[in-house]
Amino acid sequence: MDRMKTLGIYALCIILFFIFSNIMMDIAVKAMYNPINITIERRNDLTLDVNAAKATYVNGYVEGNVKNIRRRY
């Protein structure tokens, strides 16, 4: 019975460490992103809405919408 209790404690410690490490990695990755200064080129046939733009030294992302409002002839 003691062996099962010890095995259960080890399993619980491994699961808790896994959850803790995933949470800490998520926090660390989100802390590395810095806002980007955006310059938007305006055109008559294009609308661009940027909600968020962030980057690290390696990669980045931009959230937004692009809509082509060009007339069809």
Foldseek 3Di string as FASTA:
>chain_A
DVVVVVVVVVVVVVVVVVVVVVVVVVVVVVVQWDFDDDDDDDDPQKDWDWDGWIAHPPGIDTDTDIDGNDDDD
